[in-house]
Amino acid sequence: MTYNTIFAVLPRGTADSVMEAAKKAGAKGGTIFLARGTGAHEAKTFFGLTIESGREILMIVSSSEDTDQILKAVIESGRLTEPGSGIAFVIRGVDVYGLADRTHLE
C-alpha cells in the first residue's frame, strides 16, 4: 500500500478539533507536535516583553486513497483558506515502517 503524510501547521489549541474532522474523513490517527514559528512576523511584544505565538503541527499518515478527502477536511476544519490561519501540505509516496495495517480488523 502507498502512504502519504499530511502536515498542518495550526494555531495552538486547534489541532484536536482538526484531528477529529480528519478522523471523520478517514484518518486512523495522527500526531500533534508543539512548535513555535521563526518567521519575521512571529515575535510580538507587549510592554517590552517578547511574546511567542505557539503553533501545533498535526501529522497524519494516510493511505494514498484517503489522502485527498482527509486533506480537504483538514483545510476546511482548520479554516486554512483564511489568511494567517496556518498551512497544510502533503508529502506523497512515503515509506512507512511500524504502521500496522488495521484494515483487516475493522
PDB file of N, CA and C in Angstrom:
ATOM      1  N   MET A   1       0.847  -1.177   0.000  1.00  0.00           N
ATOM      2  CA  MET A   1       0.000   0.000   0.000  1.00  0.00           C
ATOM      3  C   MET A   1       0.892   1.239   0.000  1.00  0.00           C
ATOM      4  N   THR A   2       0.466   2.252  -0.706  1.00  0.00           N
ATOM      5  CA  THR A   2       1.191   3.513  -0.764  1.00  0.00           C
ATOM      6  C   THR A   2       0.623   4.477   0.264  1.00  0.00           C
ATOM      7  N   TYR A   3       1.526   5.169   0.958  1.00  0.00           N
ATOM      8  CA  TYR A   3       1.121   6.113   2.000  1.00  0.00           C
ATOM      9  C   TYR A   3       1.596   7.519   1.674  1.00  0.00           C
ATOM     10  N   ASN A   4       0.878   8.485   2.201  1.00  0.00           N
ATOM     11  CA  ASN A   4       1.249   9.892   2.133  1.00  0.00           C
ATOM     12  C   ASN A   4       1.241  10.448   3.548  1.00  0.00           C
ATOM     13  N   THR A   5       1.946  11.549   3.749  1.00  0.00           N
ATOM     14  CA  THR A   5       1.933  12.215   5.049  1.00  0.00           C
ATOM     15  C   THR A   5       1.387  13.623   4.872  1.00  0.00           C
ATOM     16  N   ILE A   6       0.355  13.925   5.648  1.00  0.00           N
ATOM     17  CA  ILE A   6      -0.256  15.249   5.651  1.00  0.00           C
ATOM     18  C   ILE A   6       0.293  16.006   6.850  1.00  0.00           C
ATOM     19  N   PHE A   7       0.771  17.221   6.621  1.00  0.00           N
ATOM     20  CA  PHE A   7       1.214  18.099   7.697  1.00  0.00           C
ATOM     21  C   PHE A   7       0.331  19.337   7.699  1.00  0.00           C
ATOM     22  N   ALA A   8      -0.075  19.777   8.874  1.00  0.00           N
ATOM     23  CA  ALA A   8      -0.808  21.039   9.006  1.00  0.00           C
ATOM     24  C   ALA A   8      -0.184  21.819  10.151  1.00  0.00           C
ATOM     25  N   VAL A   9       0.194  23.056   9.886  1.00  0.00           N
ATOM     26  CA  VAL A   9       0.721  23.955  10.910  1.00  0.00           C
ATOM     27  C   VAL A   9      -0.439  24.858  11.311  1.00  0.00           C
ATOM     28  N   LEU A  10      -0.850  24.748  12.576  1.00  0.00           N
ATOM     29  CA  LEU A  10      -2.091  25.367  13.047  1.00  0.00           C
ATOM     30  C   LEU A  10      -1.850  26.227  14.275  1.00  0.00           C
ATOM     31  N   PRO A  11      -2.739  27.178  14.544  1.00  0.00           N
ATOM     32  CA  PRO A  11      -2.645  27.928  15.799  1.00  0.00           C
ATOM     33  C   PRO A  11      -2.801  26.980  16.991  1.00  0.00           C
ATOM     34  N   ARG A  12      -2.071  27.266  18.058  1.00  0.00           N
ATOM     35  CA  ARG A  12      -2.132  26.411  19.243  1.00  0.00           C
ATOM     36  C   ARG A  12      -3.570  26.310  19.745  1.00  0.00           C
ATOM     37  N   GLY A  13      -3.964  25.085  20.090  1.00  0.00           N
ATOM     38  CA  GLY A  13      -5.296  24.837  20.617  1.00  0.00           C
ATOM     39  C   GLY A  13      -6.313  24.388  19.584  1.00  0.00           C
ATOM     40  N   THR A  14      -5.910  24.308  18.315  1.00  0.00           N
ATOM     41  CA  THR A  14      -6.869  23.933  17.276  1.00  0.00           C
ATOM     42  C   THR A  14      -6.649  22.545  16.688  1.00  0.00           C
ATOM     43  N   ALA A  15      -5.510  21.929  16.937  1.00  0.00           N
ATOM     44  CA  ALA A  15      -5.179  20.660  16.284  1.00  0.00           C
ATOM     45  C   ALA A  15      -6.116  19.523  16.684  1.00  0.00           C
ATOM     46  N   ASP A  16      -6.603  19.509  17.927  1.00  0.00           N
ATOM     47  CA  ASP A  16      -7.500  18.428  18.340  1.00  0.00           C
ATOM     48  C   ASP A  16      -8.791  18.423  17.529  1.00  0.00           C
ATOM     49  N   SER A  17      -9.382  19.587  17.326  1.00  0.00           N
ATOM     50  CA  SER A  17     -10.631  19.642  16.559  1.00  0.00           C
ATOM     51  C   SER A  17     -10.384  19.334  15.082  1.00  0.00           C
ATOM     52  N   VAL A  18      -9.238  19.748  14.557  1.00  0.00           N
ATOM     53  CA  VAL A  18      -8.894  19.423  13.174  1.00  0.00           C
ATOM     54  C   VAL A  18      -8.673  17.920  13.037  1.00  0.00           C
ATOM     55  N   MET A  19      -8.047  17.296  14.038  1.00  0.00           N
ATOM     56  CA  MET A  19      -7.840  15.852  14.003  1.00  0.00           C
ATOM     57  C   MET A  19      -9.167  15.106  14.026  1.00  0.00           C
ATOM     58  N   GLU A  20     -10.120  15.583  14.803  1.00  0.00           N
ATOM     59  CA  GLU A  20     -11.445  14.949  14.838  1.00  0.00           C
ATOM     60  C   GLU A  20     -12.105  14.989  13.465  1.00  0.00           C
ATOM     61  N   ALA A  21     -11.998  16.116  12.777  1.00  0.00           N
ATOM     62  CA  ALA A  21     -12.554  16.225  11.425  1.00  0.00           C
ATOM     63  C   ALA A  21     -11.826  15.281  10.467  1.00  0.00           C
ATOM     64  N   ALA A  22     -10.508  15.166  10.629  1.00  0.00           N
ATOM     65  CA  ALA A  22      -9.727  14.262   9.785  1.00  0.00           C
ATOM     66  C   ALA A  22     -10.139  12.811  10.015  1.00  0.00           C
ATOM     67  N   LYS A  23     -10.415  12.445  11.262  1.00  0.00           N
ATOM     68  CA  LYS A  23     -10.873  11.080  11.558  1.00  0.00           C
ATOM     69  C   LYS A  23     -12.213  10.797  10.891  1.00  0.00           C
ATOM     70  N   LYS A  24     -13.108  11.773  10.910  1.00  0.00           N
ATOM     71  CA  LYS A  24     -14.404  11.596  10.248  1.00  0.00           C
ATOM     72  C   LYS A  24     -14.240  11.421   8.742  1.00  0.00           C
ATOM     73  N   ALA A  25     -13.146  11.950   8.200  1.00  0.00           N
ATOM     74  CA  ALA A  25     -12.868  11.840   6.768  1.00  0.00           C
ATOM     75  C   ALA A  25     -12.060  10.594   6.423  1.00  0.00           C
ATOM     76  N   GLY A  26     -11.693   9.797   7.434  1.00  0.00           N
ATOM     77  CA  GLY A  26     -10.996   8.548   7.157  1.00  0.00           C
ATOM     78  C   GLY A  26      -9.637   8.367   7.791  1.00  0.00           C
ATOM     79  N   ALA A  27      -9.113   9.368   8.476  1.00  0.00           N
ATOM     80  CA  ALA A  27      -7.809   9.220   9.136  1.00  0.00           C
ATOM     81  C   ALA A  27      -7.929   8.247  10.300  1.00  0.00           C
ATOM     82  N   LYS A  28      -6.924   7.429  10.482  1.00  0.00           N
ATOM     83  CA  LYS A  28      -6.916   6.467  11.593  1.00  0.00           C
ATOM     84  C   LYS A  28      -6.360   7.085  12.867  1.00  0.00           C
ATOM     85  N   GLY A  29      -5.600   8.151  12.744  1.00  0.00           N
ATOM     86  CA  GLY A  29      -4.985   8.812  13.891  1.00  0.00           C
ATOM     87  C   GLY A  29      -3.954   9.804  13.393  1.00  0.00           C
ATOM     88  N   GLY A  30      -3.289  10.441  14.317  1.00  0.00           N
ATOM     89  CA  GLY A  30      -2.282  11.426  13.952  1.00  0.00           C
ATOM     90  C   GLY A  30      -1.405  11.749  15.141  1.00  0.00           C
ATOM     91  N   THR A  31      -0.442  12.608  14.922  1.00  0.00           N
ATOM     92  CA  THR A  31       0.463  13.053  15.975  1.00  0.00           C
ATOM     93  C   THR A  31       0.467  14.574  15.987  1.00  0.00           C
ATOM     94  N   ILE A  32       0.390  15.150  17.186  1.00  0.00           N
ATOM     95  CA  ILE A  32       0.405  16.600  17.339  1.00  0.00           C
ATOM     96  C   ILE A  32       1.707  17.002  18.022  1.00  0.00           C
ATOM     97  N   PHE A  33       2.447  17.902  17.375  1.00  0.00           N
ATOM     98  CA  PHE A  33       3.686  18.442  17.920  1.00  0.00           C
ATOM     99  C   PHE A  33       3.454  19.894  18.316  1.00  0.00           C
ATOM    100  N   LEU A  34       4.032  20.322  19.422  1.00  0.00           N
ATOM    101  CA  LEU A  34       4.032  21.741  19.768  1.00  0.00           C
ATOM    102  C   LEU A  34       5.213  22.393  19.065  1.00  0.00           C
ATOM    103  N   ALA A  35       5.012  23.600  18.565  1.00  0.00           N
ATOM    104  CA  ALA A  35       6.059  24.270  17.794  1.00  0.00           C
ATOM    105  C   ALA A  35       5.972  25.774  17.996  1.00  0.00           C
ATOM    106  N   ARG A  36       6.995  26.462  17.522  1.00  0.00           N
ATOM    107  CA  ARG A  36       6.951  27.916  17.500  1.00  0.00           C
ATOM    108  C   ARG A  36       7.551  28.368  16.184  1.00  0.00           C
ATOM    109  N   GLY A  37       7.041  29.458  15.669  1.00  0.00           N
ATOM    110  CA  GLY A  37       7.495  29.967  14.383  1.00  0.00           C
ATOM    111  C   GLY A  37       8.784  30.757  14.500  1.00  0.00           C
ATOM    112  N   THR A  38       9.482  30.878  13.388  1.00  0.00           N
ATOM    113  CA  THR A  38      10.705  31.674  13.350  1.00  0.00           C
ATOM    114  C   THR A  38      10.636  32.739  12.270  1.00  0.00           C
ATOM    115  N   GLY A  39       9.448  32.960  11.715  1.00  0.00           N
ATOM    116  CA  GLY A  39       9.276  33.950  10.651  1.00  0.00           C
ATOM    117  C   GLY A  39       9.387  35.369  11.171  1.00  0.00           C
ATOM    118  N   ALA A  40       9.430  36.300  10.258  1.00  0.00           N
ATOM    119  CA  ALA A  40       9.608  37.713  10.604  1.00  0.00           C
ATOM    120  C   ALA A  40       8.467  38.258  11.438  1.00  0.00           C
ATOM    121  N   HIS A  41       7.274  37.715  11.293  1.00  0.00           N
ATOM    122  CA  HIS A  41       6.105  38.249  11.989  1.00  0.00           C
ATOM    123  C   HIS A  41       5.706  37.414  13.204  1.00  0.00           C
ATOM    124  N   GLU A  42       6.534  36.475  13.617  1.00  0.00           N
ATOM    125  CA  GLU A  42       6.163  35.572  14.704  1.00  0.00           C
ATOM    126  C   GLU A  42       6.261  36.214  16.081  1.00  0.00           C
ATOM    127  N   ALA A  43       7.320  36.946  16.342  1.00  0.00           N
ATOM    128  CA  ALA A  43       7.530  37.507  17.679  1.00  0.00           C
ATOM    129  C   ALA A  43       6.724  38.790  17.835  1.00  0.00           C
ATOM    130  N   LYS A  44       5.974  38.870  18.909  1.00  0.00           N
ATOM    131  CA  LYS A  44       5.199  40.065  19.223  1.00  0.00           C
ATOM    132  C   LYS A  44       5.664  40.577  20.578  1.00  0.00           C
ATOM    133  N   THR A  45       5.555  41.877  20.774  1.00  0.00           N
ATOM    134  CA  THR A  45       5.963  42.434  22.060  1.00  0.00           C
ATOM    135  C   THR A  45       4.770  43.070  22.754  1.00  0.00           C
ATOM    136  N   PHE A  46       4.828  43.027  24.075  1.00  0.00           N
ATOM    137  CA  PHE A  46       3.793  43.616  24.910  1.00  0.00           C
ATOM    138  C   PHE A  46       4.506  44.260  26.082  1.00  0.00           C
ATOM    139  N   PHE A  47       4.474  45.580  26.168  1.00  0.00           N
ATOM    140  CA  PHE A  47       5.205  46.329  27.191  1.00  0.00           C
ATOM    141  C   PHE A  47       6.671  45.929  27.248  1.00  0.00           C
ATOM    142  N   GLY A  48       7.274  45.760  26.079  1.00  0.00           N
ATOM    143  CA  GLY A  48       8.692  45.455  26.003  1.00  0.00           C
ATOM    144  C   GLY A  48       9.042  43.989  26.182  1.00  0.00           C
ATOM    145  N   LEU A  49       8.071  43.139  26.487  1.00  0.00           N
ATOM    146  CA  LEU A  49       8.321  41.707  26.634  1.00  0.00           C
ATOM    147  C   LEU A  49       7.971  40.997  25.335  1.00  0.00           C
ATOM    148  N   THR A  50       8.814  40.074  24.937  1.00  0.00           N
ATOM    149  CA  THR A  50       8.551  39.315  23.718  1.00  0.00           C
ATOM    150  C   THR A  50       7.595  38.175  24.031  1.00  0.00           C
ATOM    151  N   ILE A  51       6.540  38.102  23.246  1.00  0.00           N
ATOM    152  CA  ILE A  51       5.548  37.038  23.401  1.00  0.00           C
ATOM    153  C   ILE A  51       5.618  36.165  22.156  1.00  0.00           C
ATOM    154  N   GLU A  52       5.862  34.887  22.355  1.00  0.00           N
ATOM    155  CA  GLU A  52       5.923  33.970  21.227  1.00  0.00           C
ATOM    156  C   GLU A  52       4.553  33.348  21.018  1.00  0.00           C
ATOM    157  N   SER A  53       4.100  33.379  19.773  1.00  0.00           N
ATOM    158  CA  SER A  53       2.831  32.733  19.475  1.00  0.00           C
ATOM    159  C   SER A  53       3.102  31.269  19.165  1.00  0.00           C
ATOM    160  N   GLY A  54       2.441  30.391  19.874  1.00  0.00           N
ATOM    161  CA  GLY A  54       2.659  28.967  19.703  1.00  0.00           C
ATOM    162  C   GLY A  54       1.893  28.410  18.519  1.00  0.00           C
ATOM    163  N   ARG A  55       2.365  27.314  18.035  1.00  0.00           N
ATOM    164  CA  ARG A  55       1.736  26.594  16.932  1.00  0.00           C
ATOM    165  C   ARG A  55       1.667  25.117  17.298  1.00  0.00           C
ATOM    166  N   GLU A  56       0.806  24.428  16.603  1.00  0.00           N
ATOM    167  CA  GLU A  56       0.753  22.975  16.682  1.00  0.00           C
ATOM    168  C   GLU A  56       0.932  22.444  15.267  1.00  0.00           C
ATOM    169  N   ILE A  57       1.675  21.372  15.161  1.00  0.00           N
ATOM    170  CA  ILE A  57       1.837  20.704  13.876  1.00  0.00           C
ATOM    171  C   ILE A  57       1.124  19.372  13.974  1.00  0.00           C
ATOM    172  N   LEU A  58       0.171  19.172  13.092  1.00  0.00           N
ATOM    173  CA  LEU A  58      -0.571  17.922  13.021  1.00  0.00           C
ATOM    174  C   LEU A  58       0.013  17.101  11.886  1.00  0.00           C
ATOM    175  N   MET A  59       0.411  15.859  12.184  1.00  0.00           N
ATOM    176  CA  MET A  59       0.963  14.961  11.178  1.00  0.00           C
ATOM    177  C   MET A  59       0.060  13.740  11.086  1.00  0.00           C
ATOM    178  N   ILE A  60      -0.389  13.439   9.884  1.00  0.00           N
ATOM    179  CA  ILE A  60      -1.267  12.293   9.652  1.00  0.00           C
ATOM    180  C   ILE A  60      -0.681  11.459   8.524  1.00  0.00           C
ATOM    181  N   VAL A  61      -0.431  10.182   8.785  1.00  0.00           N
ATOM    182  CA  VAL A  61      -0.029   9.252   7.736  1.00  0.00           C
ATOM    183  C   VAL A  61      -1.309   8.589   7.240  1.00  0.00           C
ATOM    184  N   SER A  62      -1.530   8.653   5.932  1.00  0.00           N
ATOM    185  CA  SER A  62      -2.764   8.095   5.378  1.00  0.00           C
ATOM    186  C   SER A  62      -2.467   7.287   4.126  1.00  0.00           C
ATOM    187  N   SER A  63      -3.373   6.388   3.809  1.00  0.00           N
ATOM    188  CA  SER A  63      -3.248   5.674   2.543  1.00  0.00           C
ATOM    189  C   SER A  63      -3.461   6.680   1.416  1.00  0.00           C
ATOM    190  N   SER A  64      -2.863   6.414   0.286  1.00  0.00           N
ATOM    191  CA  SER A  64      -2.987   7.358  -0.825  1.00  0.00           C
ATOM    192  C   SER A  64      -4.441   7.517  -1.265  1.00  0.00           C
ATOM    193  N   GLU A  65      -5.244   6.476  -1.071  1.00  0.00           N
ATOM    194  CA  GLU A  65      -6.654   6.543  -1.444  1.00  0.00           C
ATOM    195  C   GLU A  65      -7.440   7.521  -0.574  1.00  0.00           C
ATOM    196  N   ASP A  66      -7.046   7.693   0.682  1.00  0.00           N
ATOM    197  CA  ASP A  66      -7.781   8.543   1.620  1.00  0.00           C
ATOM    198  C   ASP A  66      -7.221   9.957   1.744  1.00  0.00           C
ATOM    199  N   THR A  67      -6.044  10.201   1.199  1.00  0.00           N
ATOM    200  CA  THR A  67      -5.345  11.463   1.448  1.00  0.00           C
ATOM    201  C   THR A  67      -6.146  12.695   1.050  1.00  0.00           C
ATOM    202  N   ASP A  68      -6.714  12.700  -0.145  1.00  0.00           N
ATOM    203  CA  ASP A  68      -7.389  13.915  -0.620  1.00  0.00           C
ATOM    204  C   ASP A  68      -8.593  14.285   0.234  1.00  0.00           C
ATOM    205  N   GLN A  69      -9.395  13.288   0.637  1.00  0.00           N
ATOM    206  CA  GLN A  69     -10.564  13.619   1.464  1.00  0.00           C
ATOM    207  C   GLN A  69     -10.148  14.035   2.868  1.00  0.00           C
ATOM    208  N   ILE A  70      -9.083  13.458   3.401  1.00  0.00           N
ATOM    209  CA  ILE A  70      -8.589  13.871   4.717  1.00  0.00           C
ATOM    210  C   ILE A  70      -8.023  15.288   4.636  1.00  0.00           C
ATOM    211  N   LEU A  71      -7.240  15.565   3.595  1.00  0.00           N
ATOM    212  CA  LEU A  71      -6.675  16.904   3.412  1.00  0.00           C
ATOM    213  C   LEU A  71      -7.783  17.947   3.296  1.00  0.00           C
ATOM    214  N   LYS A  72      -8.826  17.638   2.563  1.00  0.00           N
ATOM    215  CA  LYS A  72      -9.957  18.568   2.430  1.00  0.00           C
ATOM    216  C   LYS A  72     -10.572  18.864   3.793  1.00  0.00           C
ATOM    217  N   ALA A  73     -10.736  17.823   4.627  1.00  0.00           N
ATOM    218  CA  ALA A  73     -11.297  18.019   5.971  1.00  0.00           C
ATOM    219  C   ALA A  73     -10.374  18.875   6.832  1.00  0.00           C
ATOM    220  N   VAL A  74      -9.065  18.668   6.714  1.00  0.00           N
ATOM    221  CA  VAL A  74      -8.089  19.465   7.469  1.00  0.00           C
ATOM    222  C   VAL A  74      -8.174  20.932   7.048  1.00  0.00           C
ATOM    223  N   ILE A  75      -8.224  21.180   5.758  1.00  0.00           N
ATOM    224  CA  ILE A  75      -8.283  22.558   5.254  1.00  0.00           C
ATOM    225  C   ILE A  75      -9.566  23.246   5.704  1.00  0.00           C
ATOM    226  N   GLU A  76     -10.698  22.544   5.592  1.00  0.00           N
ATOM    227  CA  GLU A  76     -11.980  23.150   5.969  1.00  0.00           C
ATOM    228  C   GLU A  76     -12.090  23.379   7.471  1.00  0.00           C
ATOM    229  N   SER A  77     -11.779  22.359   8.269  1.00  0.00           N
ATOM    230  CA  SER A  77     -11.940  22.493   9.722  1.00  0.00           C
ATOM    231  C   SER A  77     -10.901  23.427  10.328  1.00  0.00           C
ATOM    232  N   GLY A  78      -9.713  23.495   9.713  1.00  0.00           N
ATOM    233  CA  GLY A  78      -8.679  24.407  10.185  1.00  0.00           C
ATOM    234  C   GLY A  78      -8.814  25.806   9.620  1.00  0.00           C
ATOM    235  N   ARG A  79      -9.794  25.995   8.745  1.00  0.00           N
ATOM    236  CA  ARG A  79     -10.055  27.292   8.104  1.00  0.00           C
ATOM    237  C   ARG A  79      -8.793  27.822   7.420  1.00  0.00           C
ATOM    238  N   LEU A  80      -8.091  26.925   6.750  1.00  0.00           N
ATOM    239  CA  LEU A  80      -6.794  27.268   6.180  1.00  0.00           C
ATOM    240  C   LEU A  80      -6.882  28.139   4.933  1.00  0.00           C
ATOM    241  N   THR A  81      -8.077  28.417   4.456  1.00  0.00           N
ATOM    242  CA  THR A  81      -8.210  29.354   3.338  1.00  0.00           C
ATOM    243  C   THR A  81      -8.235  30.799   3.823  1.00  0.00           C
ATOM    244  N   GLU A  82      -8.319  30.988   5.139  1.00  0.00           N
ATOM    245  CA  GLU A  82      -8.304  32.333   5.719  1.00  0.00           C
ATOM    246  C   GLU A  82      -6.859  32.754   5.995  1.00  0.00           C
ATOM    247  N   PRO A  83      -6.508  34.000   5.693  1.00  0.00           N
ATOM    248  CA  PRO A  83      -5.132  34.465   5.910  1.00  0.00           C
ATOM    249  C   PRO A  83      -4.698  34.325   7.372  1.00  0.00           C
ATOM    250  N   GLY A  84      -3.480  33.844   7.565  1.00  0.00           N
ATOM    251  CA  GLY A  84      -2.907  33.746   8.899  1.00  0.00           C
ATOM    252  C   GLY A  84      -3.396  32.583   9.737  1.00  0.00           C
ATOM    253  N   SER A  85      -4.189  31.687   9.139  1.00  0.00           N
ATOM    254  CA  SER A  85      -4.749  30.592   9.932  1.00  0.00           C
ATOM    255  C   SER A  85      -3.872  29.348   9.942  1.00  0.00           C
ATOM    256  N   GLY A  86      -2.879  29.280   9.083  1.00  0.00           N
ATOM    257  CA  GLY A  86      -1.990  28.131   9.050  1.00  0.00           C
ATOM    258  C   GLY A  86      -1.782  27.646   7.630  1.00  0.00           C
ATOM    259  N   ILE A  87      -1.066  26.531   7.516  1.00  0.00           N
ATOM    260  CA  ILE A  87      -0.808  25.934   6.206  1.00  0.00           C
ATOM    261  C   ILE A  87      -0.945  24.425   6.323  1.00  0.00           C
ATOM    262  N   ALA A  88      -1.154  23.784   5.193  1.00  0.00           N
ATOM    263  CA  ALA A  88      -1.148  22.325   5.120  1.00  0.00           C
ATOM    264  C   ALA A  88      -0.407  21.928   3.853  1.00  0.00           C
ATOM    265  N   PHE A  89       0.280  20.795   3.925  1.00  0.00           N
ATOM    266  CA  PHE A  89       0.946  20.265   2.744  1.00  0.00           C
ATOM    267  C   PHE A  89       1.043  18.757   2.869  1.00  0.00           C
ATOM    268  N   VAL A  90       1.283  18.107   1.733  1.00  0.00           N
ATOM    269  CA  VAL A  90       1.336  16.646   1.668  1.00  0.00           C
ATOM    270  C   VAL A  90       2.677  16.228   1.090  1.00  0.00           C
ATOM    271  N   ILE A  91       3.291  15.236   1.712  1.00  0.00           N
ATOM    272  CA  ILE A  91       4.457  14.564   1.141  1.00  0.00           C
ATOM    273  C   ILE A  91       3.945  13.213   0.655  1.00  0.00           C
ATOM    274  N   ARG A  92       3.995  13.019  -0.644  1.00  0.00           N
ATOM    275  CA  ARG A  92       3.397  11.827  -1.247  1.00  0.00           C
ATOM    276  C   ARG A  92       4.412  10.698  -1.401  1.00  0.00           C
ATOM    277  N   GLY A  93       3.899   9.483  -1.285  1.00  0.00           N
ATOM    278  CA  GLY A  93       4.694   8.299  -1.542  1.00  0.00           C
ATOM    279  C   GLY A  93       5.766   8.012  -0.523  1.00  0.00           C
ATOM    280  N   VAL A  94       5.460   8.187   0.757  1.00  0.00           N
ATOM    281  CA  VAL A  94       6.465   7.955   1.792  1.00  0.00           C
ATOM    282  C   VAL A  94       6.552   6.468   2.128  1.00  0.00           C
ATOM    283  N   ASP A  95       7.746   6.027   2.495  1.00  0.00           N
ATOM    284  CA  ASP A  95       7.926   4.669   3.002  1.00  0.00           C
ATOM    285  C   ASP A  95       7.564   4.676   4.473  1.00  0.00           C
ATOM    286  N   VAL A  96       6.749   3.727   4.891  1.00  0.00           N
ATOM    287  CA  VAL A  96       6.274   3.677   6.270  1.00  0.00           C
ATOM    288  C   VAL A  96       6.654   2.333   6.870  1.00  0.00           C
ATOM    289  N   TYR A  97       7.235   2.381   8.059  1.00  0.00           N
ATOM    290  CA  TYR A  97       7.606   1.168   8.780  1.00  0.00           C
ATOM    291  C   TYR A  97       6.988   1.220  10.164  1.00  0.00           C
ATOM    292  N   GLY A  98       6.522   0.099  10.655  1.00  0.00           N
ATOM    293  CA  GLY A  98       5.971   0.040  12.007  1.00  0.00           C
ATOM    294  C   GLY A  98       4.515   0.436  12.105  1.00  0.00           C
ATOM    295  N   LEU A  99       3.867   0.690  10.986  1.00  0.00           N
ATOM    296  CA  LEU A  99       2.455   1.057  10.991  1.00  0.00           C
ATOM    297  C   LEU A  99       1.646  -0.194  10.703  1.00  0.00           C
ATOM    298  N   ALA A 100       0.834  -0.592  11.666  1.00  0.00           N
ATOM    299  CA  ALA A 100       0.019  -1.789  11.484  1.00  0.00           C
ATOM    300  C   ALA A 100      -1.096  -1.491  10.492  1.00  0.00           C
ATOM    301  N   ASP A 101      -1.273  -2.366   9.537  1.00  0.00           N
ATOM    302  CA  ASP A 101      -2.387  -2.232   8.602  1.00  0.00           C
ATOM    303  C   ASP A 101      -3.627  -2.770   9.291  1.00  0.00           C
ATOM    304  N   ARG A 102      -4.488  -1.853   9.723  1.00  0.00           N
ATOM    305  CA  ARG A 102      -5.638  -2.240  10.533  1.00  0.00           C
ATOM    306  C   ARG A 102      -6.893  -2.492   9.712  1.00  0.00           C
ATOM    307  N   THR A 103      -6.793  -2.514   8.408  1.00  0.00           N
ATOM    308  CA  THR A 103      -7.998  -2.674   7.605  1.00  0.00           C
ATOM    309  C   THR A 103      -8.661  -4.022   7.853  1.00  0.00           C
ATOM    310  N   HIS A 104      -7.892  -5.046   8.151  1.00  0.00           N
ATOM    311  CA  HIS A 104      -8.485  -6.363   8.386  1.00  0.00           C
ATOM    312  C   HIS A 104      -9.156  -6.461   9.753  1.00  0.00           C
ATOM    313  N   LEU A 105      -8.941  -5.495  10.634  1.00  0.00           N
ATOM    314  CA  LEU A 105      -9.547  -5.521  11.964  1.00  0.00           C
ATOM    315  C   LEU A 105     -10.876  -4.789  12.010  1.00  0.00           C
ATOM    316  N   GLU A 106     -11.173  -4.008  10.995  1.00  0.00           N
ATOM    317  CA  GLU A 106     -12.382  -3.178  11.034  1.00  0.00           C
ATOM    318  C   GLU A 106     -13.582  -3.907  10.486  1.00  0.00           C
TER     319      GLU A 106
END
